[in-house]
Structures are given as C-alpha cells and as structure tokens.
Amino acid sequence: MGTIGILSFSDGRKRVHDGLAPYITDCEKRLVRIFEEDGGFKTVTGKEIIWNAELARTEADRLSAAQVDGIIFNVPVFAFPNYSLIAAMRGRGP
C-alpha cells in the first residue's frame, strides 16, 4: 500500500487551540490506527497541529517532502478554513 499524510487543524486563537489540542491529537491517533492497522497504509503526521498560517505552510511542505501519496485533513473541531486552503495549495497529491 501507499503512504498517507495526515494534517490536523485547529482554531487560530492560541488560547482556544491550547484547549482543543488534546482532543485533536486523540482524533489524529485514531486516524493513524485506522489507516495503519485496518488499511495497511504507512502514515506520516504533521509535527504540530496547524493553528496558524505559517504552520499550514511548513507542515504541508514537510509532508510533501516525505512524498506521501495523499494528505488527509483532520478537522475534528472548528478550524480557521484558510489554513486548510494554504495546506491544500502547498500539499502533494489528493
């Protein structure tokens, strides 16, 4: 099978993001388990949850450099939609 990238997104307000981060991380871990154990994929996750534009750029670039076959956007909470757009424009694959 291929390699799937997973980027997780959050609210753009630092104080709100800090409160949501544990839940977002838990959702990301569940996705990794599903893709790796049930789907047989290798996964590469972002180093940080995206909560600002700079992280959207750097994390998408990092996963693209890892040559993933596609990137899943994990958005389990309200997240600023422009971060997803930035990541999609810089990311690799569908």
C-alpha atoms as a PDB file:
ATOM      1  CA  MET A   1       0.000   0.000   0.000  1.00  0.00           C
ATOM      2  CA  GLY A   2       0.956   3.647  -0.080  1.00  0.00           C
ATOM      3  CA  THR A   3       1.832   6.362   2.372  1.00  0.00           C
ATOM      4  CA  ILE A   4      -0.843   8.694   3.706  1.00  0.00           C
ATOM      5  CA  GLY A   5      -0.085  12.077   5.247  1.00  0.00           C
ATOM      6  CA  ILE A   6      -2.335  13.424   7.992  1.00  0.00           C
ATOM      7  CA  LEU A   7      -2.525  17.104   8.877  1.00  0.00           C
ATOM      8  CA  SER A   8      -4.589  18.198  11.863  1.00  0.00           C
ATOM      9  CA  PHE A   9      -6.182  21.637  12.067  1.00  0.00           C
ATOM     10  CA  SER A  10      -7.369  23.793  14.950  1.00  0.00           C
ATOM     11  CA  ASP A  11      -8.793  27.159  15.871  1.00  0.00           C
ATOM     12  CA  GLY A  12      -6.495  30.073  15.071  1.00  0.00           C
ATOM     13  CA  ARG A  13      -6.730  31.617  18.515  1.00  0.00           C
ATOM     14  CA  LYS A  14      -3.859  30.294  20.671  1.00  0.00           C
ATOM     15  CA  ARG A  15      -5.888  30.132  23.897  1.00  0.00           C
ATOM     16  CA  VAL A  16      -8.676  28.202  22.163  1.00  0.00           C
ATOM     17  CA  HIS A  17      -6.248  25.968  20.296  1.00  0.00           C
ATOM     18  CA  ASP A  18      -4.475  25.032  23.535  1.00  0.00           C
ATOM     19  CA  GLY A  19      -7.756  23.749  24.979  1.00  0.00           C
ATOM     20  CA  LEU A  20      -8.651  21.785  21.839  1.00  0.00           C
ATOM     21  CA  ALA A  21      -5.224  20.249  21.195  1.00  0.00           C
ATOM     22  CA  PRO A  22      -5.675  17.091  23.335  1.00  0.00           C
ATOM     23  CA  TYR A  23      -8.923  16.189  21.546  1.00  0.00           C
ATOM     24  CA  ILE A  24      -7.441  16.880  18.101  1.00  0.00           C
ATOM     25  CA  THR A  25      -4.409  14.727  18.929  1.00  0.00           C
ATOM     26  CA  ASP A  26      -6.686  11.891  20.050  1.00  0.00           C
ATOM     27  CA  CYS A  27      -8.624  12.063  16.774  1.00  0.00           C
ATOM     28  CA  GLU A  28      -5.363  12.011  14.816  1.00  0.00           C
ATOM     29  CA  LYS A  29      -4.184   8.925  16.694  1.00  0.00           C
ATOM     30  CA  ARG A  30      -7.443   7.173  15.822  1.00  0.00           C
ATOM     31  CA  LEU A  31      -6.953   8.002  12.143  1.00  0.00           C
ATOM     32  CA  VAL A  32      -3.405   6.645  12.217  1.00  0.00           C
ATOM     33  CA  ARG A  33      -4.641   3.411  13.790  1.00  0.00           C
ATOM     34  CA  ILE A  34      -7.380   3.025  11.182  1.00  0.00           C
ATOM     35  CA  PHE A  35      -5.064   3.627   8.229  1.00  0.00           C
ATOM     36  CA  GLU A  36      -2.191   1.517   9.527  1.00  0.00           C
ATOM     37  CA  GLU A  37      -3.941  -1.402  11.222  1.00  0.00           C
ATOM     38  CA  ASP A  38      -7.118  -1.671   9.174  1.00  0.00           C
ATOM     39  CA  GLY A  39      -5.946  -0.268   5.854  1.00  0.00           C
ATOM     40  CA  GLY A  40      -2.324  -1.377   5.699  1.00  0.00           C
ATOM     41  CA  PHE A  41      -1.030   2.104   4.899  1.00  0.00           C
ATOM     42  CA  LYS A  42       2.048   3.796   6.265  1.00  0.00           C
ATOM     43  CA  THR A  43       1.201   7.193   7.777  1.00  0.00           C
ATOM     44  CA  VAL A  44       3.143  10.395   8.236  1.00  0.00           C
ATOM     45  CA  THR A  45       1.625  13.017  10.528  1.00  0.00           C
ATOM     46  CA  GLY A  46       2.360  16.669  10.994  1.00  0.00           C
ATOM     47  CA  LYS A  47       4.780  17.562  13.767  1.00  0.00           C
ATOM     48  CA  GLU A  48       2.339  20.165  15.062  1.00  0.00           C
ATOM     49  CA  ILE A  49      -1.379  20.823  14.915  1.00  0.00           C
ATOM     50  CA  ILE A  50      -1.967  23.637  12.460  1.00  0.00           C
ATOM     51  CA  TRP A  51      -3.369  26.723  14.177  1.00  0.00           C
ATOM     52  CA  ASN A  52      -1.726  29.484  12.122  1.00  0.00           C
ATOM     53  CA  ALA A  53      -0.799  30.196   8.505  1.00  0.00           C
ATOM     54  CA  GLU A  54       2.918  29.568   8.964  1.00  0.00           C
ATOM     55  CA  LEU A  55       2.277  26.074  10.339  1.00  0.00           C
ATOM     56  CA  ALA A  56      -0.076  25.384   7.411  1.00  0.00           C
ATOM     57  CA  ARG A  57       2.761  26.151   5.023  1.00  0.00           C
ATOM     58  CA  THR A  58       5.558  24.358   6.845  1.00  0.00           C
ATOM     59  CA  GLU A  59       3.595  21.218   7.701  1.00  0.00           C
ATOM     60  CA  ALA A  60       2.221  20.829   4.154  1.00  0.00           C
ATOM     61  CA  ASP A  61       5.718  21.322   2.747  1.00  0.00           C
ATOM     62  CA  ARG A  62       7.115  18.746   5.179  1.00  0.00           C
ATOM     63  CA  LEU A  63       4.575  16.095   4.185  1.00  0.00           C
ATOM     64  CA  SER A  64       5.121  16.849   0.507  1.00  0.00           C
ATOM     65  CA  ALA A  65       8.860  16.367   1.015  1.00  0.00           C
ATOM     66  CA  ALA A  66       8.069  12.992   2.591  1.00  0.00           C
ATOM     67  CA  GLN A  67       6.461  12.094  -0.760  1.00  0.00           C
ATOM     68  CA  VAL A  68       3.156  10.933   0.668  1.00  0.00           C
ATOM     69  CA  ASP A  69       0.617   9.664  -1.836  1.00  0.00           C
ATOM     70  CA  GLY A  70      -2.110  11.898  -0.461  1.00  0.00           C
ATOM     71  CA  ILE A  71      -2.948  14.042   2.552  1.00  0.00           C
ATOM     72  CA  ILE A  72      -5.934  13.612   4.852  1.00  0.00           C
ATOM     73  CA  PHE A  73      -7.113  16.791   6.580  1.00  0.00           C
ATOM     74  CA  ASN A  74      -8.163  16.031  10.151  1.00  0.00           C
ATOM     75  CA  VAL A  75     -10.603  18.791  11.160  1.00  0.00           C
ATOM     76  CA  PRO A  76     -12.477  17.451  14.202  1.00  0.00           C
ATOM     77  CA  VAL A  77     -13.231  20.934  15.615  1.00  0.00           C
ATOM     78  CA  PHE A  78     -13.959  24.391  14.268  1.00  0.00           C
ATOM     79  CA  ALA A  79     -10.795  25.413  12.446  1.00  0.00           C
ATOM     80  CA  PHE A  80      -9.964  28.524  10.503  1.00  0.00           C
ATOM     81  CA  PRO A  81     -10.725  27.451   6.898  1.00  0.00           C
ATOM     82  CA  ASN A  82      -7.923  29.479   5.329  1.00  0.00           C
ATOM     83  CA  TYR A  83      -5.364  27.138   6.926  1.00  0.00           C
ATOM     84  CA  SER A  84      -6.807  24.194   5.010  1.00  0.00           C
ATOM     85  CA  LEU A  85      -6.637  26.167   1.782  1.00  0.00           C
ATOM     86  CA  ILE A  86      -2.991  27.102   2.374  1.00  0.00           C
ATOM     87  CA  ALA A  87      -2.099  23.479   3.098  1.00  0.00           C
ATOM     88  CA  ALA A  88      -4.052  22.209   0.080  1.00  0.00           C
ATOM     89  CA  MET A  89      -2.281  24.615  -2.250  1.00  0.00           C
ATOM     90  CA  ARG A  90       1.144  23.543  -0.972  1.00  0.00           C
ATOM     91  CA  GLY A  91       0.458  19.880  -0.326  1.00  0.00           C
ATOM     92  CA  ARG A  92       1.135  16.898  -2.540  1.00  0.00           C
ATOM     93  CA  GLY A  93      -1.453  14.589  -4.017  1.00  0.00           C
ATOM     94  CA  PRO A  94      -5.178  14.412  -3.497  1.00  0.00           C
END
